[in-house]
Amino acid sequence: MPVTPQDETLDRVFGALADPTRRAILARVAGREATVNQLVDAFDLAQPTISKHLKVLERAGLIRRGREAQFRPVRLEPSALAGADRWIGDYRGFWEESFDRLDTYVKELKDKETR
């Protein structure tokens, strides 16, 4: 099956989200934008380390960097998460059905136990 541009985008999004520091950065900028220096202070990491994380997030489309005078505030770009949400949503029915079957099985076990 050929890899589509949407697949590559999804790979970058999930790859970026695989790291707990990057998820924490996203959570931080979801509430309000932040500068690189504010992120350095918040995470107690070196500026080059934060910059590397931001590059991964930016390539995945999860953040945007603006320009305001000498500052380059980092902002969450929620539209990139929409593709991941759609992909996960495709499996939602499977999981709901699996949980329903598990619930039925547990009820059957309880009924046998009470007899």
PDB file of N, CA and C in Angstrom:
ATOM      1  N   MET A   1       0.842  -1.172   0.000  1.00  0.00           N
ATOM      2  CA  MET A   1       0.000   0.000   0.000  1.00  0.00           C
ATOM      3  C   MET A   1       0.894   1.244   0.000  1.00  0.00           C
ATOM      4  N   PRO A   2       0.721   2.130  -0.950  1.00  0.00           N
ATOM      5  CA  PRO A   2       1.587   3.313  -1.015  1.00  0.00           C
ATOM      6  C   PRO A   2       1.327   4.280   0.142  1.00  0.00           C
ATOM      7  N   VAL A   3       2.396   4.929   0.562  1.00  0.00           N
ATOM      8  CA  VAL A   3       2.305   5.910   1.644  1.00  0.00           C
ATOM      9  C   VAL A   3       1.826   7.233   1.054  1.00  0.00           C
ATOM     10  N   THR A   4       0.781   7.784   1.651  1.00  0.00           N
ATOM     11  CA  THR A   4       0.219   9.040   1.175  1.00  0.00           C
ATOM     12  C   THR A   4       0.780  10.203   1.995  1.00  0.00           C
ATOM     13  N   PRO A   5       0.641  11.429   1.486  1.00  0.00           N
ATOM     14  CA  PRO A   5       1.064  12.584   2.295  1.00  0.00           C
ATOM     15  C   PRO A   5       0.327  12.654   3.636  1.00  0.00           C
ATOM     16  N   GLN A   6      -0.940  12.214   3.657  1.00  0.00           N
ATOM     17  CA  GLN A   6      -1.686  12.211   4.923  1.00  0.00           C
ATOM     18  C   GLN A   6      -1.063  11.225   5.904  1.00  0.00           C
ATOM     19  N   ASP A   7      -0.595  10.072   5.377  1.00  0.00           N
ATOM     20  CA  ASP A   7       0.068   9.096   6.241  1.00  0.00           C
ATOM     21  C   ASP A   7       1.343   9.684   6.832  1.00  0.00           C
ATOM     22  N   GLU A   8       2.108  10.379   6.005  1.00  0.00           N
ATOM     23  CA  GLU A   8       3.357  10.973   6.483  1.00  0.00           C
ATOM     24  C   GLU A   8       3.088  12.041   7.540  1.00  0.00           C
ATOM     25  N   THR A   9       2.043  12.822   7.333  1.00  0.00           N
ATOM     26  CA  THR A   9       1.671  13.838   8.326  1.00  0.00           C
ATOM     27  C   THR A   9       1.277  13.176   9.636  1.00  0.00           C
ATOM     28  N   LEU A  10       0.469  12.131   9.539  1.00  0.00           N
ATOM     29  CA  LEU A  10       0.045  11.404  10.737  1.00  0.00           C
ATOM     30  C   LEU A  10       1.250  10.790  11.451  1.00  0.00           C
ATOM     31  N   ASP A  11       2.197  10.250  10.693  1.00  0.00           N
ATOM     32  CA  ASP A  11       3.415   9.694  11.293  1.00  0.00           C
ATOM     33  C   ASP A  11       4.177  10.767  12.062  1.00  0.00           C
ATOM     34  N   ARG A  12       4.284  11.963  11.483  1.00  0.00           N
ATOM     35  CA  ARG A  12       5.000  13.048  12.168  1.00  0.00           C
ATOM     36  C   ARG A  12       4.261  13.469  13.437  1.00  0.00           C
ATOM     37  N   VAL A  13       2.928  13.532  13.370  1.00  0.00           N
ATOM     38  CA  VAL A  13       2.141  13.928  14.550  1.00  0.00           C
ATOM     39  C   VAL A  13       2.316  12.905  15.666  1.00  0.00           C
ATOM     40  N   PHE A  14       2.124  11.624  15.353  1.00  0.00           N
ATOM     41  CA  PHE A  14       2.265  10.606  16.397  1.00  0.00           C
ATOM     42  C   PHE A  14       3.701  10.495  16.878  1.00  0.00           C
ATOM     43  N   GLY A  15       4.675  10.685  15.987  1.00  0.00           N
ATOM     44  CA  GLY A  15       6.078  10.679  16.400  1.00  0.00           C
ATOM     45  C   GLY A  15       6.364  11.808  17.375  1.00  0.00           C
ATOM     46  N   ALA A  16       5.816  12.982  17.095  1.00  0.00           N
ATOM     47  CA  ALA A  16       6.002  14.125  17.988  1.00  0.00           C
ATOM     48  C   ALA A  16       5.322  13.886  19.330  1.00  0.00           C
ATOM     49  N   LEU A  17       4.137  13.298  19.292  1.00  0.00           N
ATOM     50  CA  LEU A  17       3.383  13.057  20.526  1.00  0.00           C
ATOM     51  C   LEU A  17       3.954  11.907  21.358  1.00  0.00           C
ATOM     52  N   ALA A  18       4.853  11.125  20.787  1.00  0.00           N
ATOM     53  CA  ALA A  18       5.427   9.981  21.499  1.00  0.00           C
ATOM     54  C   ALA A  18       6.343  10.406  22.645  1.00  0.00           C
ATOM     55  N   ASP A  19       6.824  11.630  22.594  1.00  0.00           N
ATOM     56  CA  ASP A  19       7.755  12.100  23.619  1.00  0.00           C
ATOM     57  C   ASP A  19       7.017  12.864  24.719  1.00  0.00           C
ATOM     58  N   PRO A  20       7.223  12.492  25.981  1.00  0.00           N
ATOM     59  CA  PRO A  20       6.487  13.157  27.072  1.00  0.00           C
ATOM     60  C   PRO A  20       6.828  14.646  27.216  1.00  0.00           C
ATOM     61  N   THR A  21       8.056  15.027  26.909  1.00  0.00           N
ATOM     62  CA  THR A  21       8.404  16.451  27.005  1.00  0.00           C
ATOM     63  C   THR A  21       7.644  17.248  25.959  1.00  0.00           C
ATOM     64  N   ARG A  22       7.543  16.713  24.754  1.00  0.00           N
ATOM     65  CA  ARG A  22       6.803  17.426  23.699  1.00  0.00           C
ATOM     66  C   ARG A  22       5.316  17.502  24.032  1.00  0.00           C
ATOM     67  N   ARG A  23       4.764  16.433  24.620  1.00  0.00           N
ATOM     68  CA  ARG A  23       3.360  16.502  25.042  1.00  0.00           C
ATOM     69  C   ARG A  23       3.183  17.575  26.113  1.00  0.00           C
ATOM     70  N   ALA A  24       4.142  17.671  27.028  1.00  0.00           N
ATOM     71  CA  ALA A  24       4.061  18.686  28.079  1.00  0.00           C
ATOM     72  C   ALA A  24       4.187  20.093  27.496  1.00  0.00           C
ATOM     73  N   ILE A  25       5.038  20.252  26.501  1.00  0.00           N
ATOM     74  CA  ILE A  25       5.152  21.557  25.834  1.00  0.00           C
ATOM     75  C   ILE A  25       3.827  21.920  25.184  1.00  0.00           C
ATOM     76  N   LEU A  26       3.208  20.957  24.498  1.00  0.00           N
ATOM     77  CA  LEU A  26       1.901  21.230  23.876  1.00  0.00           C
ATOM     78  C   LEU A  26       0.870  21.630  24.922  1.00  0.00           C
ATOM     79  N   ALA A  27       0.865  20.921  26.044  1.00  0.00           N
ATOM     80  CA  ALA A  27      -0.089  21.263  27.107  1.00  0.00           C
ATOM     81  C   ALA A  27       0.165  22.679  27.608  1.00  0.00           C
ATOM     82  N   ARG A  28       1.419  23.051  27.707  1.00  0.00           N
ATOM     83  CA  ARG A  28       1.788  24.393  28.190  1.00  0.00           C
ATOM     84  C   ARG A  28       1.327  25.472  27.220  1.00  0.00           C
ATOM     85  N   VAL A  29       1.533  25.261  25.919  1.00  0.00           N
ATOM     86  CA  VAL A  29       1.160  26.303  24.945  1.00  0.00           C
ATOM     87  C   VAL A  29      -0.310  26.218  24.544  1.00  0.00           C
ATOM     88  N   ALA A  30      -1.003  25.184  24.983  1.00  0.00           N
ATOM     89  CA  ALA A  30      -2.442  25.093  24.695  1.00  0.00           C
ATOM     90  C   ALA A  30      -3.196  26.156  25.483  1.00  0.00           C
ATOM     91  N   GLY A  31      -2.738  26.447  26.673  1.00  0.00           N
ATOM     92  CA  GLY A  31      -3.387  27.451  27.510  1.00  0.00           C
ATOM     93  C   GLY A  31      -3.078  28.861  27.073  1.00  0.00           C
ATOM     94  N   ARG A  32      -1.842  29.083  26.653  1.00  0.00           N
ATOM     95  CA  ARG A  32      -1.432  30.412  26.183  1.00  0.00           C
ATOM     96  C   ARG A  32      -0.094  30.264  25.479  1.00  0.00           C
ATOM     97  N   GLU A  33       0.184  31.185  24.606  1.00  0.00           N
ATOM     98  CA  GLU A  33       1.453  31.130  23.891  1.00  0.00           C
ATOM     99  C   GLU A  33       2.612  31.352  24.855  1.00  0.00           C
ATOM    100  N   ALA A  34       3.787  30.909  24.432  1.00  0.00           N
ATOM    101  CA  ALA A  34       4.976  31.050  25.267  1.00  0.00           C
ATOM    102  C   ALA A  34       6.191  31.286  24.376  1.00  0.00           C
ATOM    103  N   THR A  35       7.163  31.971  24.918  1.00  0.00           N
ATOM    104  CA  THR A  35       8.420  32.153  24.199  1.00  0.00           C
ATOM    105  C   THR A  35       9.335  30.964  24.506  1.00  0.00           C
ATOM    106  N   VAL A  36      10.379  30.820  23.732  1.00  0.00           N
ATOM    107  CA  VAL A  36      11.346  29.752  23.975  1.00  0.00           C
ATOM    108  C   VAL A  36      11.938  29.906  25.376  1.00  0.00           C
ATOM    109  N   ASN A  37      12.280  31.119  25.758  1.00  0.00           N
ATOM    110  CA  ASN A  37      12.854  31.330  27.099  1.00  0.00           C
ATOM    111  C   ASN A  37      11.880  30.942  28.203  1.00  0.00           C
ATOM    112  N   GLN A  38      10.600  31.216  28.019  1.00  0.00           N
ATOM    113  CA  GLN A  38       9.608  30.805  29.017  1.00  0.00           C
ATOM    114  C   GLN A  38       9.535  29.277  29.099  1.00  0.00           C
ATOM    115  N   LEU A  39       9.651  28.614  27.958  1.00  0.00           N
ATOM    116  CA  LEU A  39       9.639  27.148  27.954  1.00  0.00           C
ATOM    117  C   LEU A  39      10.904  26.587  28.596  1.00  0.00           C
ATOM    118  N   VAL A  40      12.033  27.215  28.337  1.00  0.00           N
ATOM    119  CA  VAL A  40      13.286  26.803  28.980  1.00  0.00           C
ATOM    120  C   VAL A  40      13.132  26.875  30.496  1.00  0.00           C
ATOM    121  N   ASP A  41      12.581  27.974  30.987  1.00  0.00           N
ATOM    122  CA  ASP A  41      12.377  28.134  32.430  1.00  0.00           C
ATOM    123  C   ASP A  41      11.375  27.117  32.974  1.00  0.00           C
ATOM    124  N   ALA A  42      10.295  26.904  32.247  1.00  0.00           N
ATOM    125  CA  ALA A  42       9.237  26.003  32.712  1.00  0.00           C
ATOM    126  C   ALA A  42       9.700  24.553  32.789  1.00  0.00           C
ATOM    127  N   PHE A  43      10.573  24.150  31.874  1.00  0.00           N
ATOM    128  CA  PHE A  43      10.974  22.743  31.814  1.00  0.00           C
ATOM    129  C   PHE A  43      12.381  22.493  32.333  1.00  0.00           C
ATOM    130  N   ASP A  44      13.073  23.557  32.712  1.00  0.00           N
ATOM    131  CA  ASP A  44      14.427  23.429  33.248  1.00  0.00           C
ATOM    132  C   ASP A  44      15.313  22.598  32.310  1.00  0.00           C
ATOM    133  N   LEU A  45      15.195  22.901  31.023  1.00  0.00           N
ATOM    134  CA  LEU A  45      16.019  22.266  29.993  1.00  0.00           C
ATOM    135  C   LEU A  45      16.828  23.341  29.288  1.00  0.00           C
ATOM    136  N   ALA A  46      17.907  22.933  28.661  1.00  0.00           N
ATOM    137  CA  ALA A  46      18.740  23.878  27.917  1.00  0.00           C
ATOM    138  C   ALA A  46      17.990  24.391  26.698  1.00  0.00           C
ATOM    139  N   GLN A  47      18.303  25.617  26.303  1.00  0.00           N
ATOM    140  CA  GLN A  47      17.635  26.230  25.146  1.00  0.00           C
ATOM    141  C   GLN A  47      17.764  25.376  23.882  1.00  0.00           C
ATOM    142  N   PRO A  48      18.934  24.792  23.574  1.00  0.00           N
ATOM    143  CA  PRO A  48      19.009  23.949  22.370  1.00  0.00           C
ATOM    144  C   PRO A  48      18.088  22.727  22.434  1.00  0.00           C
ATOM    145  N   THR A  49      17.915  22.187  23.629  1.00  0.00           N
ATOM    146  CA  THR A  49      17.026  21.025  23.796  1.00  0.00           C
ATOM    147  C   THR A  49      15.582  21.418  23.516  1.00  0.00           C
ATOM    148  N   ILE A  50      15.148  22.535  24.089  1.00  0.00           N
ATOM    149  CA  ILE A  50      13.783  23.024  23.835  1.00  0.00           C
ATOM    150  C   ILE A  50      13.616  23.316  22.344  1.00  0.00           C
ATOM    151  N   SER A  51      14.609  23.941  21.735  1.00  0.00           N
ATOM    152  CA  SER A  51      14.520  24.268  20.307  1.00  0.00           C
ATOM    153  C   SER A  51      14.379  23.019  19.447  1.00  0.00           C
ATOM    154  N   LYS A  52      15.079  21.945  19.810  1.00  0.00           N
ATOM    155  CA  LYS A  52      14.957  20.689  19.053  1.00  0.00           C
ATOM    156  C   LYS A  52      13.537  20.133  19.176  1.00  0.00           C
ATOM    157  N   HIS A  53      12.997  20.162  20.392  1.00  0.00           N
ATOM    158  CA  HIS A  53      11.621  19.690  20.591  1.00  0.00           C
ATOM    159  C   HIS A  53      10.639  20.540  19.772  1.00  0.00           C
ATOM    160  N   LEU A  54      10.860  21.846  19.773  1.00  0.00           N
ATOM    161  CA  LEU A  54       9.968  22.739  19.030  1.00  0.00           C
ATOM    162  C   LEU A  54      10.044  22.481  17.529  1.00  0.00           C
ATOM    163  N   LYS A  55      11.214  22.166  17.014  1.00  0.00           N
ATOM    164  CA  LYS A  55      11.354  21.854  15.586  1.00  0.00           C
ATOM    165  C   LYS A  55      10.554  20.612  15.216  1.00  0.00           C
ATOM    166  N   VAL A  56      10.594  19.605  16.080  1.00  0.00           N
ATOM    167  CA  VAL A  56       9.815  18.382  15.834  1.00  0.00           C
ATOM    168  C   VAL A  56       8.322  18.711  15.844  1.00  0.00           C
ATOM    169  N   LEU A  57       7.890  19.480  16.829  1.00  0.00           N
ATOM    170  CA  LEU A  57       6.474  19.860  16.925  1.00  0.00           C
ATOM    171  C   LEU A  57       6.050  20.720  15.735  1.00  0.00           C
ATOM    172  N   GLU A  58       6.928  21.603  15.305  1.00  0.00           N
ATOM    173  CA  GLU A  58       6.614  22.478  14.176  1.00  0.00           C
ATOM    174  C   GLU A  58       6.524  21.676  12.870  1.00  0.00           C
ATOM    175  N   ARG A  59       7.459  20.748  12.674  1.00  0.00           N
ATOM    176  CA  ARG A  59       7.413  19.888  11.468  1.00  0.00           C
ATOM    177  C   ARG A  59       6.148  19.049  11.421  1.00  0.00           C
ATOM    178  N   ALA A  60       5.663  18.663  12.586  1.00  0.00           N
ATOM    179  CA  ALA A  60       4.422  17.887  12.664  1.00  0.00           C
ATOM    180  C   ALA A  60       3.196  18.768  12.503  1.00  0.00           C
ATOM    181  N   GLY A  61       3.389  20.084  12.496  1.00  0.00           N
ATOM    182  CA  GLY A  61       2.269  21.009  12.353  1.00  0.00           C
ATOM    183  C   GLY A  61       1.514  21.258  13.640  1.00  0.00           C
ATOM    184  N   LEU A  62       2.079  20.829  14.760  1.00  0.00           N
ATOM    185  CA  LEU A  62       1.385  20.941  16.040  1.00  0.00           C
ATOM    186  C   LEU A  62       1.541  22.316  16.690  1.00  0.00           C
ATOM    187  N   ILE A  63       2.563  23.046  16.284  1.00  0.00           N
ATOM    188  CA  ILE A  63       2.741  24.406  16.802  1.00  0.00           C
ATOM    189  C   ILE A  63       3.059  25.344  15.646  1.00  0.00           C
ATOM    190  N   ARG A  64       2.901  26.624  15.931  1.00  0.00           N
ATOM    191  CA  ARG A  64       3.293  27.702  15.015  1.00  0.00           C
ATOM    192  C   ARG A  64       4.145  28.663  15.814  1.00  0.00           C
ATOM    193  N   ARG A  65       5.086  29.262  15.134  1.00  0.00           N
ATOM    194  CA  ARG A  65       5.880  30.310  15.790  1.00  0.00           C
ATOM    195  C   ARG A  65       5.565  31.620  15.108  1.00  0.00           C
ATOM    196  N   GLY A  66       5.143  32.569  15.898  1.00  0.00           N
ATOM    197  CA  GLY A  66       4.820  33.892  15.379  1.00  0.00           C
ATOM    198  C   GLY A  66       6.029  34.808  15.418  1.00  0.00           C
ATOM    199  N   ARG A  67       5.801  36.031  15.026  1.00  0.00           N
ATOM    200  CA  ARG A  67       6.841  37.062  15.112  1.00  0.00           C
ATOM    201  C   ARG A  67       6.214  38.316  15.704  1.00  0.00           C
ATOM    202  N   GLU A  68       6.693  38.668  16.858  1.00  0.00           N
ATOM    203  CA  GLU A  68       6.250  39.897  17.519  1.00  0.00           C
ATOM    204  C   GLU A  68       7.493  40.602  18.029  1.00  0.00           C
ATOM    205  N   ALA A  69       7.907  41.610  17.317  1.00  0.00           N
ATOM    206  CA  ALA A  69       9.154  42.341  17.625  1.00  0.00           C
ATOM    207  C   ALA A  69      10.300  41.340  17.657  1.00  0.00           C
ATOM    208  N   GLN A  70      11.044  41.273  18.761  1.00  0.00           N
ATOM    209  CA  GLN A  70      12.161  40.344  18.836  1.00  0.00           C
ATOM    210  C   GLN A  70      11.744  38.967  19.353  1.00  0.00           C
ATOM    211  N   PHE A  71      10.483  38.799  19.692  1.00  0.00           N
ATOM    212  CA  PHE A  71       9.989  37.529  20.232  1.00  0.00           C
ATOM    213  C   PHE A  71       9.395  36.661  19.136  1.00  0.00           C
ATOM    214  N   ARG A  72       9.491  35.343  19.334  1.00  0.00           N
ATOM    215  CA  ARG A  72       8.855  34.388  18.439  1.00  0.00           C
ATOM    216  C   ARG A  72       7.985  33.463  19.284  1.00  0.00           C
ATOM    217  N   PRO A  73       6.798  33.956  19.657  1.00  0.00           N
ATOM    218  CA  PRO A  73       5.947  33.141  20.534  1.00  0.00           C
ATOM    219  C   PRO A  73       5.507  31.840  19.856  1.00  0.00           C
ATOM    220  N   VAL A  74       5.421  30.816  20.664  1.00  0.00           N
ATOM    221  CA  VAL A  74       5.002  29.488  20.220  1.00  0.00           C
ATOM    222  C   VAL A  74       3.525  29.342  20.544  1.00  0.00           C
ATOM    223  N   ARG A  75       2.751  28.886  19.547  1.00  0.00           N
ATOM    224  CA  ARG A  75       1.303  28.694  19.726  1.00  0.00           C
ATOM    225  C   ARG A  75       0.906  27.290  19.291  1.00  0.00           C
ATOM    226  N   LEU A  76      -0.077  26.738  19.965  1.00  0.00           N
ATOM    227  CA  LEU A  76      -0.639  25.455  19.567  1.00  0.00           C
ATOM    228  C   LEU A  76      -1.357  25.618  18.238  1.00  0.00           C
ATOM    229  N   GLU A  77      -1.214  24.638  17.364  1.00  0.00           N
ATOM    230  CA  GLU A  77      -1.930  24.604  16.086  1.00  0.00           C
ATOM    231  C   GLU A  77      -2.865  23.392  16.149  1.00  0.00           C
ATOM    232  N   PRO A  78      -4.089  23.588  16.654  1.00  0.00           N
ATOM    233  CA  PRO A  78      -4.968  22.450  16.918  1.00  0.00           C
ATOM    234  C   PRO A  78      -5.416  21.680  15.682  1.00  0.00           C
ATOM    235  N   SER A  79      -5.356  22.283  14.523  1.00  0.00           N
ATOM    236  CA  SER A  79      -5.828  21.572  13.325  1.00  0.00           C
ATOM    237  C   SER A  79      -5.007  20.315  13.038  1.00  0.00           C
ATOM    238  N   ALA A  80      -3.732  20.301  13.434  1.00  0.00           N
ATOM    239  CA  ALA A  80      -2.908  19.109  13.222  1.00  0.00           C
ATOM    240  C   ALA A  80      -3.412  17.939  14.062  1.00  0.00           C
ATOM    241  N   LEU A  81      -4.007  18.245  15.198  1.00  0.00           N
ATOM    242  CA  LEU A  81      -4.549  17.187  16.045  1.00  0.00           C
ATOM    243  C   LEU A  81      -5.834  16.603  15.465  1.00  0.00           C
ATOM    244  N   ALA A  82      -6.487  17.351  14.589  1.00  0.00           N
ATOM    245  CA  ALA A  82      -7.744  16.869  13.999  1.00  0.00           C
ATOM    246  C   ALA A  82      -7.523  15.606  13.180  1.00  0.00           C
ATOM    247  N   GLY A  83      -6.419  15.544  12.442  1.00  0.00           N
ATOM    248  CA  GLY A  83      -6.127  14.346  11.658  1.00  0.00           C
ATOM    249  C   GLY A  83      -5.910  13.130  12.538  1.00  0.00           C
ATOM    250  N   ALA A  84      -5.195  13.327  13.642  1.00  0.00           N
ATOM    251  CA  ALA A  84      -4.977  12.229  14.587  1.00  0.00           C
ATOM    252  C   ALA A  84      -6.300  11.807  15.228  1.00  0.00           C
ATOM    253  N   ASP A  85      -7.134  12.784  15.536  1.00  0.00           N
ATOM    254  CA  ASP A  85      -8.444  12.486  16.126  1.00  0.00           C
ATOM    255  C   ASP A  85      -9.306  11.685  15.154  1.00  0.00           C
ATOM    256  N   ARG A  86      -9.272  12.053  13.879  1.00  0.00           N
ATOM    257  CA  ARG A  86     -10.040  11.289  12.873  1.00  0.00           C
ATOM    258  C   ARG A  86      -9.538   9.854  12.788  1.00  0.00           C
ATOM    259  N   TRP A  87      -8.212   9.689  12.780  1.00  0.00           N
ATOM    260  CA  TRP A  87      -7.635   8.354  12.682  1.00  0.00           C
ATOM    261  C   TRP A  87      -8.046   7.507  13.892  1.00  0.00           C
ATOM    262  N   ILE A  88      -7.944   8.086  15.070  1.00  0.00           N
ATOM    263  CA  ILE A  88      -8.345   7.380  16.289  1.00  0.00           C
ATOM    264  C   ILE A  88      -9.846   7.093  16.253  1.00  0.00           C
ATOM    265  N   GLY A  89     -10.615   8.050  15.762  1.00  0.00           N
ATOM    266  CA  GLY A  89     -12.068   7.884  15.682  1.00  0.00           C
ATOM    267  C   GLY A  89     -12.484   6.712  14.821  1.00  0.00           C
ATOM    268  N   ASP A  90     -11.672   6.403  13.801  1.00  0.00           N
ATOM    269  CA  ASP A  90     -11.978   5.249  12.949  1.00  0.00           C
ATOM    270  C   ASP A  90     -11.977   3.951  13.747  1.00  0.00           C
ATOM    271  N   TYR A  91     -11.242   3.926  14.845  1.00  0.00           N
ATOM    272  CA  TYR A  91     -11.149   2.720  15.673  1.00  0.00           C
ATOM    273  C   TYR A  91     -12.061   2.766  16.887  1.00  0.00           C
ATOM    274  N   ARG A  92     -12.725   3.878  17.091  1.00  0.00           N
ATOM    275  CA  ARG A  92     -13.584   4.051  18.267  1.00  0.00           C
ATOM    276  C   ARG A  92     -14.683   2.977  18.302  1.00  0.00           C
ATOM    277  N   GLY A  93     -15.320   2.706  17.161  1.00  0.00           N
ATOM    278  CA  GLY A  93     -16.378   1.692  17.105  1.00  0.00           C
ATOM    279  C   GLY A  93     -15.867   0.319  17.506  1.00  0.00           C
ATOM    280  N   PHE A  94     -14.666  -0.015  17.045  1.00  0.00           N
ATOM    281  CA  PHE A  94     -14.059  -1.296  17.408  1.00  0.00           C
ATOM    282  C   PHE A  94     -13.907  -1.413  18.919  1.00  0.00           C
ATOM    283  N   TRP A  95     -13.365  -0.356  19.554  1.00  0.00           N
ATOM    284  CA  TRP A  95     -13.145  -0.408  20.990  1.00  0.00           C
ATOM    285  C   TRP A  95     -14.452  -0.438  21.754  1.00  0.00           C
ATOM    286  N   GLU A  96     -15.429   0.331  21.312  1.00  0.00           N
ATOM    287  CA  GLU A  96     -16.720   0.327  22.003  1.00  0.00           C
ATOM    288  C   GLU A  96     -17.359  -1.048  21.927  1.00  0.00           C
ATOM    289  N   GLU A  97     -17.281  -1.676  20.766  1.00  0.00           N
ATOM    290  CA  GLU A  97     -17.836  -3.024  20.600  1.00  0.00           C
ATOM    291  C   GLU A  97     -17.083  -4.018  21.486  1.00  0.00           C
ATOM    292  N   SER A  98     -15.765  -3.896  21.543  1.00  0.00           N
ATOM    293  CA  SER A  98     -14.960  -4.786  22.388  1.00  0.00           C
ATOM    294  C   SER A  98     -15.319  -4.619  23.854  1.00  0.00           C
ATOM    295  N   PHE A  99     -15.495  -3.366  24.297  1.00  0.00           N
ATOM    296  CA  PHE A  99     -15.871  -3.124  25.688  1.00  0.00           C
ATOM    297  C   PHE A  99     -17.266  -3.657  25.984  1.00  0.00           C
ATOM    298  N   ASP A 100     -18.180  -3.538  25.021  1.00  0.00           N
ATOM    299  CA  ASP A 100     -19.528  -4.076  25.207  1.00  0.00           C
ATOM    300  C   ASP A 100     -19.482  -5.593  25.367  1.00  0.00           C
ATOM    301  N   ARG A 101     -18.669  -6.261  24.547  1.00  0.00           N
ATOM    302  CA  ARG A 101     -18.529  -7.723  24.666  1.00  0.00           C
ATOM    303  C   ARG A 101     -17.915  -8.095  26.005  1.00  0.00           C
ATOM    304  N   LEU A 102     -16.927  -7.328  26.452  1.00  0.00           N
ATOM    305  CA  LEU A 102     -16.297  -7.590  27.744  1.00  0.00           C
ATOM    306  C   LEU A 102     -17.305  -7.399  28.873  1.00  0.00           C
ATOM    307  N   ASP A 103     -18.119  -6.367  28.780  1.00  0.00           N
ATOM    308  CA  ASP A 103     -19.140  -6.102  29.788  1.00  0.00           C
ATOM    309  C   ASP A 103     -20.135  -7.269  29.853  1.00  0.00           C
ATOM    310  N   THR A 104     -20.546  -7.751  28.706  1.00  0.00           N
ATOM    311  CA  THR A 104     -21.475  -8.888  28.640  1.00  0.00           C
ATOM    312  C   THR A 104     -20.844 -10.118  29.286  1.00  0.00           C
ATOM    313  N   TYR A 105     -19.583 -10.365  28.991  1.00  0.00           N
ATOM    314  CA  TYR A 105     -18.870 -11.511  29.546  1.00  0.00           C
ATOM    315  C   TYR A 105     -18.765 -11.412  31.068  1.00  0.00           C
ATOM    316  N   VAL A 106     -18.447 -10.238  31.571  1.00  0.00           N
ATOM    317  CA  VAL A 106     -18.334 -10.044  33.021  1.00  0.00           C
ATOM    318  C   VAL A 106     -19.690 -10.275  33.687  1.00  0.00           C
ATOM    319  N   LYS A 107     -20.770  -9.800  33.071  1.00  0.00           N
ATOM    320  CA  LYS A 107     -22.111 -10.026  33.627  1.00  0.00           C
ATOM    321  C   LYS A 107     -22.434 -11.512  33.660  1.00  0.00           C
ATOM    322  N   GLU A 108     -22.058 -12.244  32.609  1.00  0.00           N
ATOM    323  CA  GLU A 108     -22.287 -13.693  32.575  1.00  0.00           C
ATOM    324  C   GLU A 108     -21.521 -14.388  33.692  1.00  0.00           C
ATOM    325  N   LEU A 109     -20.282 -13.975  33.916  1.00  0.00           N
ATOM    326  CA  LEU A 109     -19.489 -14.561  34.992  1.00  0.00           C
ATOM    327  C   LEU A 109     -20.118 -14.299  36.359  1.00  0.00           C
ATOM    328  N   LYS A 110     -20.611 -13.079  36.561  1.00  0.00           N
ATOM    329  CA  LYS A 110     -21.249 -12.740  37.832  1.00  0.00           C
ATOM    330  C   LYS A 110     -22.521 -13.552  38.042  1.00  0.00           C
ATOM    331  N   ASP A 111     -23.284 -13.730  36.943  1.00  0.00           N
ATOM    332  CA  ASP A 111     -24.509 -14.527  37.051  1.00  0.00           C
ATOM    333  C   ASP A 111     -24.192 -15.959  37.436  1.00  0.00           C
ATOM    334  N   LYS A 112     -23.135 -16.540  36.850  1.00  0.00           N
ATOM    335  CA  LYS A 112     -22.735 -17.906  37.184  1.00  0.00           C
ATOM    336  C   LYS A 112     -22.290 -18.003  38.641  1.00  0.00           C
ATOM    337  N   GLU A 113     -21.625 -16.959  39.102  1.00  0.00           N
ATOM    338  CA  GLU A 113     -21.109 -16.928  40.462  1.00  0.00           C
ATOM    339  C   GLU A 113     -22.246 -16.899  41.491  1.00  0.00           C
ATOM    340  N   THR A 114     -23.320 -16.195  41.167  1.00  0.00           N
ATOM    341  CA  THR A 114     -24.427 -16.061  42.124  1.00  0.00           C
ATOM    342  C   THR A 114     -25.322 -17.288  42.156  1.00  0.00           C
ATOM    343  N   ARG A 115     -25.203 -18.147  41.157  1.00  0.00           N
ATOM    344  CA  ARG A 115     -26.049 -19.356  41.143  1.00  0.00           C
ATOM    345  C   ARG A 115     -25.555 -20.422  42.058  1.00  0.00           C
TER     346      ARG A 115
END
